[in-house]
Amino acid sequence: MEEKKFVNFKKEELAVKDYIKRVLGKGRISNVSIEYTPVGEKIIVATSKPGMVIGRRGEKIDELTTTLKKMFKLDNPHIDIKEILTPMLDAQLVADDIALMLERDGSLKFKVIAYRTLQNIMNAGALGAEIVLSGRLPSERAKRWRFAQGYLKKTGDPAKVVLRAKAQAINIQGVSGIQVSILPPNAVIHDRVIIDEAVRQRIAANIAAPALKEAADAAEAVRVAEEAKSKPKKKAKAKGAKK
């Protein structure tokens, strides 16, 4: 019975999240999380367009709060808005934007959309990005197209820092799948080598050290050879003086 209650609780929570995303609009919401407190439910909505989500004088938030109380029987829902400052580094927002552009501009321009979005992601400072489109985009036959740039981990523990998201675009030819993976600029990668000015100076010093040593050895060899030549002459002069 406890397992069944837990499953039903999670199903209701997922229904609340899907409803919020659907009401506030596709392409505006990145993530919805729910925290349960003694005074009620705290719903955190991450978005890049807080003004459009809140509405004039918070009317959209008030309507959404009232609907959540009636439809999902929430005791005291409180909606907080979390603003996303760099939307091009948010995988879910990027995936939703690609879906909207495919639905608006048509599936024949999918390459232009993918390459332009990939360049915008890299210009935002991402270390790497990958966009995978699947479906009947250019023709009646379904295919899979991959667009990637930069550095991106696929397996192991470093792959956990990669931001991933999925979306769907509905057009005339059917449903197209969209997968976006982004490696953010602040990701900690243990095998990443950063070559800065200090490293360059150390490399230059290591390269110059053997050359300096060879020059010093050559100078020492010349000095020793000159001393060896001068010693016999001094002995010869000394012998002539004795005679």
C-alpha atoms as a PDB file:
ATOM      1  CA  MET A   1       0.000   0.000   0.000  1.00  0.00           C
ATOM      2  CA  GLU A   2       2.828   2.402   0.797  1.00  0.00           C
ATOM      3  CA  GLU A   3       4.368   1.833  -2.624  1.00  0.00           C
ATOM      4  CA  LYS A   4       1.045   2.542  -4.316  1.00  0.00           C
ATOM      5  CA  LYS A   5       0.620   5.787  -2.368  1.00  0.00           C
ATOM      6  CA  PHE A   6       4.107   6.879  -3.330  1.00  0.00           C
ATOM      7  CA  VAL A   7       3.488   6.128  -7.020  1.00  0.00           C
ATOM      8  CA  ASN A   8       0.196   8.037  -6.988  1.00  0.00           C
ATOM      9  CA  PHE A   9       1.865  10.954  -5.228  1.00  0.00           C
ATOM     10  CA  LYS A  10       4.567  11.148  -7.905  1.00  0.00           C
ATOM     11  CA  LYS A  11       1.970  10.896 -10.672  1.00  0.00           C
ATOM     12  CA  GLU A  12       0.069  13.844  -9.235  1.00  0.00           C
ATOM     13  CA  GLU A  13       3.293  15.816  -8.902  1.00  0.00           C
ATOM     14  CA  LEU A  14       4.185  15.121 -12.545  1.00  0.00           C
ATOM     15  CA  ALA A  15       0.682  16.171 -13.614  1.00  0.00           C
ATOM     16  CA  VAL A  16       1.135  19.502 -11.801  1.00  0.00           C
ATOM     17  CA  LYS A  17       4.472  20.130 -13.538  1.00  0.00           C
ATOM     18  CA  ASP A  18       3.093  19.266 -16.992  1.00  0.00           C
ATOM     19  CA  TYR A  19       0.069  21.484 -16.447  1.00  0.00           C
ATOM     20  CA  ILE A  20       2.228  24.461 -15.441  1.00  0.00           C
ATOM     21  CA  LYS A  21       4.471  24.044 -18.482  1.00  0.00           C
ATOM     22  CA  ARG A  22       1.492  23.725 -20.790  1.00  0.00           C
ATOM     23  CA  VAL A  23      -0.320  26.765 -19.379  1.00  0.00           C
ATOM     24  CA  LEU A  24       2.687  29.103 -19.232  1.00  0.00           C
ATOM     25  CA  GLY A  25       3.741  28.238 -22.768  1.00  0.00           C
ATOM     26  CA  LYS A  26       6.277  26.133 -24.615  1.00  0.00           C
ATOM     27  CA  GLY A  27       9.729  27.653 -24.851  1.00  0.00           C
ATOM     28  CA  ARG A  28       9.343  29.805 -21.737  1.00  0.00           C
ATOM     29  CA  ILE A  29       9.746  27.252 -18.947  1.00  0.00           C
ATOM     30  CA  SER A  30      12.949  25.313 -18.340  1.00  0.00           C
ATOM     31  CA  ASN A  31      12.118  23.407 -15.191  1.00  0.00           C
ATOM     32  CA  VAL A  32       9.424  23.179 -12.517  1.00  0.00           C
ATOM     33  CA  SER A  33      10.273  21.876  -9.050  1.00  0.00           C
ATOM     34  CA  ILE A  34       8.025  21.439  -6.024  1.00  0.00           C
ATOM     35  CA  GLU A  35       9.130  21.761  -2.403  1.00  0.00           C
ATOM     36  CA  TYR A  36       6.775  20.760   0.412  1.00  0.00           C
ATOM     37  CA  THR A  37       6.873  22.975   3.499  1.00  0.00           C
ATOM     38  CA  PRO A  38       4.743  23.110   6.657  1.00  0.00           C
ATOM     39  CA  VAL A  39       2.905  26.179   5.358  1.00  0.00           C
ATOM     40  CA  GLY A  40       2.157  24.740   1.908  1.00  0.00           C
ATOM     41  CA  GLU A  41       3.650  23.821  -1.452  1.00  0.00           C
ATOM     42  CA  LYS A  42       6.461  25.938  -2.868  1.00  0.00           C
ATOM     43  CA  ILE A  43       6.531  25.707  -6.675  1.00  0.00           C
ATOM     44  CA  ILE A  44       9.723  27.036  -8.289  1.00  0.00           C
ATOM     45  CA  VAL A  45       9.431  27.897 -11.983  1.00  0.00           C
ATOM     46  CA  ALA A  46      12.698  28.466 -13.871  1.00  0.00           C
ATOM     47  CA  THR A  47      12.191  30.702 -16.892  1.00  0.00           C
ATOM     48  CA  SER A  48      14.087  33.103 -19.134  1.00  0.00           C
ATOM     49  CA  LYS A  49      11.032  35.368 -19.564  1.00  0.00           C
ATOM     50  CA  PRO A  50       9.753  36.172 -16.058  1.00  0.00           C
ATOM     51  CA  GLY A  51       7.695  39.144 -17.227  1.00  0.00           C
ATOM     52  CA  MET A  52       5.624  37.043 -19.629  1.00  0.00           C
ATOM     53  CA  VAL A  53       5.151  34.334 -17.004  1.00  0.00           C
ATOM     54  CA  ILE A  54       4.110  36.672 -14.183  1.00  0.00           C
ATOM     55  CA  GLY A  55       1.872  38.883 -16.282  1.00  0.00           C
ATOM     56  CA  ARG A  56       0.710  42.390 -15.561  1.00  0.00           C
ATOM     57  CA  ARG A  57       0.601  42.893 -11.768  1.00  0.00           C
ATOM     58  CA  GLY A  58       0.967  39.127 -11.288  1.00  0.00           C
ATOM     59  CA  GLU A  59      -2.432  38.240 -12.756  1.00  0.00           C
ATOM     60  CA  LYS A  60      -1.151  35.049 -14.421  1.00  0.00           C
ATOM     61  CA  ILE A  61       0.373  33.816 -11.181  1.00  0.00           C
ATOM     62  CA  ASP A  62      -2.866  34.490  -9.301  1.00  0.00           C
ATOM     63  CA  GLU A  63      -4.915  32.607 -11.896  1.00  0.00           C
ATOM     64  CA  LEU A  64      -2.497  29.688 -11.869  1.00  0.00           C
ATOM     65  CA  THR A  65      -2.535  29.518  -8.066  1.00  0.00           C
ATOM     66  CA  THR A  66      -6.326  29.424  -7.983  1.00  0.00           C
ATOM     67  CA  THR A  67      -6.447  26.696 -10.647  1.00  0.00           C
ATOM     68  CA  LEU A  68      -3.911  24.545  -8.816  1.00  0.00           C
ATOM     69  CA  LYS A  69      -6.008  24.710  -5.647  1.00  0.00           C
ATOM     70  CA  LYS A  70      -9.187  23.643  -7.431  1.00  0.00           C
ATOM     71  CA  MET A  71      -7.865  21.143  -9.959  1.00  0.00           C
ATOM     72  CA  PHE A  72      -5.095  19.402  -7.984  1.00  0.00           C
ATOM     73  CA  LYS A  73      -6.384  19.987  -4.435  1.00  0.00           C
ATOM     74  CA  LEU A  74      -3.229  21.729  -3.239  1.00  0.00           C
ATOM     75  CA  ASP A  75      -3.472  23.275   0.213  1.00  0.00           C
ATOM     76  CA  ASN A  76      -1.525  26.511  -0.143  1.00  0.00           C
ATOM     77  CA  PRO A  77       0.564  26.679  -3.347  1.00  0.00           C
ATOM     78  CA  HIS A  78       3.096  29.482  -3.574  1.00  0.00           C
ATOM     79  CA  ILE A  79       4.775  30.094  -6.950  1.00  0.00           C
ATOM     80  CA  ASP A  80       8.311  31.498  -7.086  1.00  0.00           C
ATOM     81  CA  ILE A  81       9.967  32.623 -10.313  1.00  0.00           C
ATOM     82  CA  LYS A  82      13.634  31.811 -10.917  1.00  0.00           C
ATOM     83  CA  GLU A  83      15.117  33.810 -13.787  1.00  0.00           C
ATOM     84  CA  ILE A  84      17.580  32.149 -16.184  1.00  0.00           C
ATOM     85  CA  LEU A  85      20.160  34.746 -17.213  1.00  0.00           C
ATOM     86  CA  THR A  86      21.790  32.738 -20.038  1.00  0.00           C
ATOM     87  CA  PRO A  87      19.000  30.882 -21.873  1.00  0.00           C
ATOM     88  CA  MET A  88      21.371  29.548 -24.565  1.00  0.00           C
ATOM     89  CA  LEU A  89      23.138  27.486 -21.899  1.00  0.00           C
ATOM     90  CA  ASP A  90      19.882  25.873 -20.721  1.00  0.00           C
ATOM     91  CA  ALA A  91      19.324  22.619 -22.599  1.00  0.00           C
ATOM     92  CA  GLN A  92      15.535  22.522 -22.148  1.00  0.00           C
ATOM     93  CA  LEU A  93      15.013  26.082 -23.362  1.00  0.00           C
ATOM     94  CA  VAL A  94      17.222  25.442 -26.397  1.00  0.00           C
ATOM     95  CA  ALA A  95      15.350  22.238 -27.252  1.00  0.00           C
ATOM     96  CA  ASP A  96      11.972  23.984 -26.960  1.00  0.00           C
ATOM     97  CA  ASP A  97      13.205  26.887 -29.115  1.00  0.00           C
ATOM     98  CA  ILE A  98      14.314  24.458 -31.829  1.00  0.00           C
ATOM     99  CA  ALA A  99      10.903  22.763 -31.700  1.00  0.00           C
ATOM    100  CA  LEU A 100       9.117  26.112 -32.054  1.00  0.00           C
ATOM    101  CA  MET A 101      11.314  27.136 -34.989  1.00  0.00           C
ATOM    102  CA  LEU A 102      10.707  23.812 -36.753  1.00  0.00           C
ATOM    103  CA  GLU A 103       6.967  24.225 -36.288  1.00  0.00           C
ATOM    104  CA  ARG A 104       7.015  27.847 -37.448  1.00  0.00           C
ATOM    105  CA  ASP A 105       9.569  27.824 -40.299  1.00  0.00           C
ATOM    106  CA  GLY A 106       9.035  24.270 -41.517  1.00  0.00           C
ATOM    107  CA  SER A 107      11.147  21.132 -41.353  1.00  0.00           C
ATOM    108  CA  LEU A 108      13.013  21.858 -44.614  1.00  0.00           C
ATOM    109  CA  LYS A 109      15.121  24.485 -42.836  1.00  0.00           C
ATOM    110  CA  PHE A 110      16.224  22.136 -40.064  1.00  0.00           C
ATOM    111  CA  LYS A 111      19.929  22.377 -40.970  1.00  0.00           C
ATOM    112  CA  VAL A 112      19.925  26.165 -40.875  1.00  0.00           C
ATOM    113  CA  ILE A 113      18.106  26.102 -37.527  1.00  0.00           C
ATOM    114  CA  ALA A 114      20.475  23.514 -36.048  1.00  0.00           C
ATOM    115  CA  TYR A 115      23.711  25.187 -37.166  1.00  0.00           C
ATOM    116  CA  ARG A 116      22.545  28.645 -36.095  1.00  0.00           C
ATOM    117  CA  THR A 117      21.458  27.381 -32.670  1.00  0.00           C
ATOM    118  CA  LEU A 118      24.727  25.482 -32.239  1.00  0.00           C
ATOM    119  CA  GLN A 119      26.729  28.607 -32.990  1.00  0.00           C
ATOM    120  CA  ASN A 120      24.665  30.636 -30.521  1.00  0.00           C
ATOM    121  CA  ILE A 121      25.325  28.034 -27.812  1.00  0.00           C
ATOM    122  CA  MET A 122      29.079  28.176 -28.383  1.00  0.00           C
ATOM    123  CA  ASN A 123      29.028  31.995 -28.473  1.00  0.00           C
ATOM    124  CA  ALA A 124      27.342  31.934 -25.054  1.00  0.00           C
ATOM    125  CA  GLY A 125      30.466  30.270 -23.631  1.00  0.00           C
ATOM    126  CA  ALA A 126      29.637  26.564 -23.702  1.00  0.00           C
ATOM    127  CA  LEU A 127      32.565  24.155 -23.831  1.00  0.00           C
ATOM    128  CA  GLY A 128      30.689  21.837 -26.175  1.00  0.00           C
ATOM    129  CA  ALA A 129      27.236  21.141 -27.556  1.00  0.00           C
ATOM    130  CA  GLU A 130      25.350  18.518 -29.522  1.00  0.00           C
ATOM    131  CA  ILE A 131      21.978  18.673 -31.279  1.00  0.00           C
ATOM    132  CA  VAL A 132      20.322  15.501 -32.562  1.00  0.00           C
ATOM    133  CA  LEU A 133      17.225  15.739 -34.774  1.00  0.00           C
ATOM    134  CA  SER A 134      15.236  12.676 -35.764  1.00  0.00           C
ATOM    135  CA  GLY A 135      12.155  12.108 -37.852  1.00  0.00           C
ATOM    136  CA  ARG A 136      10.930  12.719 -41.374  1.00  0.00           C
ATOM    137  CA  LEU A 137      12.497  16.142 -41.673  1.00  0.00           C
ATOM    138  CA  PRO A 138      13.691  16.427 -45.287  1.00  0.00           C
ATOM    139  CA  SER A 139      11.715  13.591 -46.841  1.00  0.00           C
ATOM    140  CA  GLU A 140       9.199  10.847 -46.172  1.00  0.00           C
ATOM    141  CA  ARG A 141      11.858   8.550 -44.788  1.00  0.00           C
ATOM    142  CA  ALA A 142      12.814   9.012 -41.154  1.00  0.00           C
ATOM    143  CA  LYS A 143      16.463   9.760 -40.482  1.00  0.00           C
ATOM    144  CA  ARG A 144      18.699  10.946 -37.678  1.00  0.00           C
ATOM    145  CA  TRP A 145      20.839  14.067 -37.993  1.00  0.00           C
ATOM    146  CA  ARG A 146      23.633  15.033 -35.582  1.00  0.00           C
ATOM    147  CA  PHE A 147      25.213  18.480 -35.188  1.00  0.00           C
ATOM    148  CA  ALA A 148      28.081  18.873 -32.718  1.00  0.00           C
ATOM    149  CA  GLN A 149      30.838  21.316 -31.847  1.00  0.00           C
ATOM    150  CA  GLY A 150      33.422  21.624 -29.091  1.00  0.00           C
ATOM    151  CA  TYR A 151      34.216  19.211 -26.272  1.00  0.00           C
ATOM    152  CA  LEU A 152      31.523  16.893 -24.925  1.00  0.00           C
ATOM    153  CA  LYS A 153      31.741  13.896 -22.608  1.00  0.00           C
ATOM    154  CA  LYS A 154      29.585  10.868 -23.418  1.00  0.00           C
ATOM    155  CA  THR A 155      30.458   8.256 -20.764  1.00  0.00           C
ATOM    156  CA  GLY A 156      31.809   8.009 -17.231  1.00  0.00           C
ATOM    157  CA  ASP A 157      31.508  10.406 -14.311  1.00  0.00           C
ATOM    158  CA  PRO A 158      32.407  13.522 -16.375  1.00  0.00           C
ATOM    159  CA  ALA A 159      29.290  12.888 -18.487  1.00  0.00           C
ATOM    160  CA  LYS A 160      27.130  13.728 -15.444  1.00  0.00           C
ATOM    161  CA  VAL A 161      27.950  17.434 -15.764  1.00  0.00           C
ATOM    162  CA  VAL A 162      26.484  17.565 -19.286  1.00  0.00           C
ATOM    163  CA  LEU A 163      23.041  19.218 -19.423  1.00  0.00           C
ATOM    164  CA  ARG A 164      20.579  17.172 -21.497  1.00  0.00           C
ATOM    165  CA  ALA A 165      17.011  17.810 -22.612  1.00  0.00           C
ATOM    166  CA  LYS A 166      14.431  16.522 -25.080  1.00  0.00           C
ATOM    167  CA  ALA A 167      11.569  18.116 -26.981  1.00  0.00           C
ATOM    168  CA  GLN A 168       9.129  17.342 -29.794  1.00  0.00           C
ATOM    169  CA  ALA A 169       8.110  19.353 -32.827  1.00  0.00           C
ATOM    170  CA  ILE A 170       4.802  18.632 -34.541  1.00  0.00           C
ATOM    171  CA  ASN A 171       4.661  19.595 -38.216  1.00  0.00           C
ATOM    172  CA  ILE A 172       2.918  18.459 -41.390  1.00  0.00           C
ATOM    173  CA  GLN A 173       5.187  15.456 -41.917  1.00  0.00           C
ATOM    174  CA  GLY A 174       4.771  14.154 -38.370  1.00  0.00           C
ATOM    175  CA  VAL A 175       6.527  14.364 -35.035  1.00  0.00           C
ATOM    176  CA  SER A 176      10.226  15.184 -34.916  1.00  0.00           C
ATOM    177  CA  GLY A 177      12.418  14.400 -31.916  1.00  0.00           C
ATOM    178  CA  ILE A 178      14.969  16.870 -30.580  1.00  0.00           C
ATOM    179  CA  GLN A 179      17.822  16.060 -28.210  1.00  0.00           C
ATOM    180  CA  VAL A 180      20.155  18.762 -26.889  1.00  0.00           C
ATOM    181  CA  SER A 181      23.338  18.268 -24.858  1.00  0.00           C
ATOM    182  CA  ILE A 182      25.353  21.205 -23.512  1.00  0.00           C
ATOM    183  CA  LEU A 183      28.584  21.249 -21.523  1.00  0.00           C
ATOM    184  CA  PRO A 184      28.414  24.506 -19.491  1.00  0.00           C
ATOM    185  CA  PRO A 185      31.492  26.717 -19.100  1.00  0.00           C
ATOM    186  CA  ASN A 186      31.644  26.176 -15.321  1.00  0.00           C
ATOM    187  CA  ALA A 187      31.713  22.368 -15.590  1.00  0.00           C
ATOM    188  CA  VAL A 188      34.493  20.694 -13.585  1.00  0.00           C
ATOM    189  CA  ILE A 189      36.404  18.250 -15.806  1.00  0.00           C
ATOM    190  CA  HIS A 190      39.354  16.523 -14.176  1.00  0.00           C
ATOM    191  CA  ASP A 191      41.166  15.556 -17.385  1.00  0.00           C
ATOM    192  CA  ARG A 192      40.851  19.006 -18.933  1.00  0.00           C
ATOM    193  CA  VAL A 193      44.161  20.800 -19.543  1.00  0.00           C
ATOM    194  CA  ILE A 194      44.068  24.607 -19.444  1.00  0.00           C
ATOM    195  CA  ILE A 195      47.041  26.336 -21.115  1.00  0.00           C
ATOM    196  CA  ASP A 196      47.328  29.831 -19.672  1.00  0.00           C
ATOM    197  CA  GLU A 197      50.171  32.365 -19.604  1.00  0.00           C
ATOM    198  CA  ALA A 198      51.901  30.686 -16.633  1.00  0.00           C
ATOM    199  CA  VAL A 199      51.948  27.326 -18.430  1.00  0.00           C
ATOM    200  CA  ARG A 200      53.306  28.968 -21.592  1.00  0.00           C
ATOM    201  CA  GLN A 201      56.145  30.554 -19.604  1.00  0.00           C
ATOM    202  CA  ARG A 202      57.048  27.204 -18.036  1.00  0.00           C
ATOM    203  CA  ILE A 203      57.045  25.528 -21.447  1.00  0.00           C
ATOM    204  CA  ALA A 204      59.276  28.265 -22.873  1.00  0.00           C
ATOM    205  CA  ALA A 205      61.633  27.918 -19.900  1.00  0.00           C
ATOM    206  CA  ASN A 206      61.822  24.145 -20.356  1.00  0.00           C
ATOM    207  CA  ILE A 207      62.572  24.570 -24.056  1.00  0.00           C
ATOM    208  CA  ALA A 208      65.239  27.219 -23.435  1.00  0.00           C
ATOM    209  CA  ALA A 209      66.949  25.336 -20.582  1.00  0.00           C
ATOM    210  CA  PRO A 210      68.654  22.632 -22.756  1.00  0.00           C
ATOM    211  CA  ALA A 211      69.923  25.264 -25.203  1.00  0.00           C
ATOM    212  CA  LEU A 212      71.390  27.347 -22.370  1.00  0.00           C
ATOM    213  CA  LYS A 213      73.030  24.257 -20.890  1.00  0.00           C
ATOM    214  CA  GLU A 214      74.571  23.336 -24.242  1.00  0.00           C
ATOM    215  CA  ALA A 215      75.930  26.867 -24.659  1.00  0.00           C
ATOM    216  CA  ALA A 216      77.386  26.795 -21.152  1.00  0.00           C
ATOM    217  CA  ASP A 217      78.993  23.386 -21.769  1.00  0.00           C
ATOM    218  CA  ALA A 218      80.490  24.619 -25.055  1.00  0.00           C
ATOM    219  CA  ALA A 219      81.929  27.705 -23.365  1.00  0.00           C
ATOM    220  CA  GLU A 220      83.395  25.565 -20.590  1.00  0.00           C
ATOM    221  CA  ALA A 221      84.952  23.233 -23.164  1.00  0.00           C
ATOM    222  CA  VAL A 222      86.566  26.174 -24.988  1.00  0.00           C
ATOM    223  CA  ARG A 223      87.961  27.534 -21.735  1.00  0.00           C
ATOM    224  CA  VAL A 224      89.439  24.170 -20.767  1.00  0.00           C
ATOM    225  CA  ALA A 225      91.018  23.763 -24.223  1.00  0.00           C
ATOM    226  CA  GLU A 226      92.632  27.213 -24.044  1.00  0.00           C
ATOM    227  CA  GLU A 227      94.053  26.484 -20.595  1.00  0.00           C
ATOM    228  CA  ALA A 228      95.436  23.169 -21.863  1.00  0.00           C
ATOM    229  CA  LYS A 229      97.233  24.932 -24.777  1.00  0.00           C
ATOM    230  CA  SER A 230      98.754  27.613 -22.582  1.00  0.00           C
ATOM    231  CA  LYS A 231     100.329  25.271 -19.977  1.00  0.00           C
ATOM    232  CA  PRO A 232     103.100  23.639 -22.203  1.00  0.00           C
ATOM    233  CA  LYS A 233     104.363  27.048 -23.409  1.00  0.00           C
ATOM    234  CA  LYS A 234     104.959  28.198 -19.826  1.00  0.00           C
ATOM    235  CA  LYS A 235     107.044  25.062 -19.139  1.00  0.00           C
ATOM    236  CA  ALA A 236     109.168  25.645 -22.255  1.00  0.00           C
ATOM    237  CA  LYS A 237     110.012  29.203 -21.235  1.00  0.00           C
ATOM    238  CA  ALA A 238     110.946  27.984 -17.795  1.00  0.00           C
ATOM    239  CA  LYS A 239     113.486  25.451 -19.260  1.00  0.00           C
ATOM    240  CA  GLY A 240     115.085  28.130 -21.451  1.00  0.00           C
ATOM    241  CA  ALA A 241     115.618  30.350 -18.468  1.00  0.00           C
ATOM    242  CA  LYS A 242     117.566  27.660 -16.599  1.00  0.00           C
ATOM    243  CA  LYS A 243     120.098  27.272 -19.508  1.00  0.00           C
END
